[in-house]
Amino acid sequence: MNRFFLKGIGIAILAMLCSLATYADTPDDFQSRCTNAWMKKADDVKDKVDFKNFGEKYCACAAKQQLDSEAAVQKAAQVCISRTLLHDAMDSIEADVGLDKAKDSDVTDYCQDRWALVIPKQSDEDKKLITTFCDCAKPKLVDLLKKSNDMTDKQYDAEIDTIADACAESTAASSKSEPAPATTSAPTSTPEPASKPAH
């Protein structure tokens, strides 16, 4: 779990959440402190308005989580990054394309775009895990788009949460189960000693 989500900006923000929760008098105070901490990581971000909007949603999610232990903070990181990201992607699709007109490629593009907003400087490993996450979410979100007209807003939002949680778990599991990289050079073989003649 923490290998996927507690990297880059995720760990920088979530590492502060325990202390923020301790010192914040109200949920509003917590969210304000959390958003301010989020914006301190905006140096490499091109669209700071979108970044702040994302951070406010992210912190609103974090304010509802249990943050009383390291494991709880890691869980909050996984839940809030993945859920906020997919909600933000789907909101953008609805505004820019329309839920009834969105294609499979739109879902992938907007998922990747949201990750690029949150983590502008991505390592090769980041890109691989992000692709795994978005590939997991795409068919589920496309299916959700087809039935969204028959759902209430609450049902629709809950389904996005379910998809986000499932894909976060599967992506984290895949990152842990990957085999170690193969060595680039073959091991040097030691020639066997000549057999001794029989006496």
Foldseek 3Di string as FASTA:
>chain_A
DCVQQCDDLLVQLLVCLQVLVVPQPDLVSSLVVSLVSQLVSCPPADDSVVSSVLSSQLSNQLSPFDSNDPVRSSVSRQLSVLLSLLVVLVVCCCVPPNLQGDDLVSQLVSSVVSVCRSPVDDDPVNVVLSNQLSVQLRVQVNVCSVCVVVDDPVVSSVSSSVSSNVSSVVSVVVVVPDDDDDDPDDDDDDDDDDDDDDD
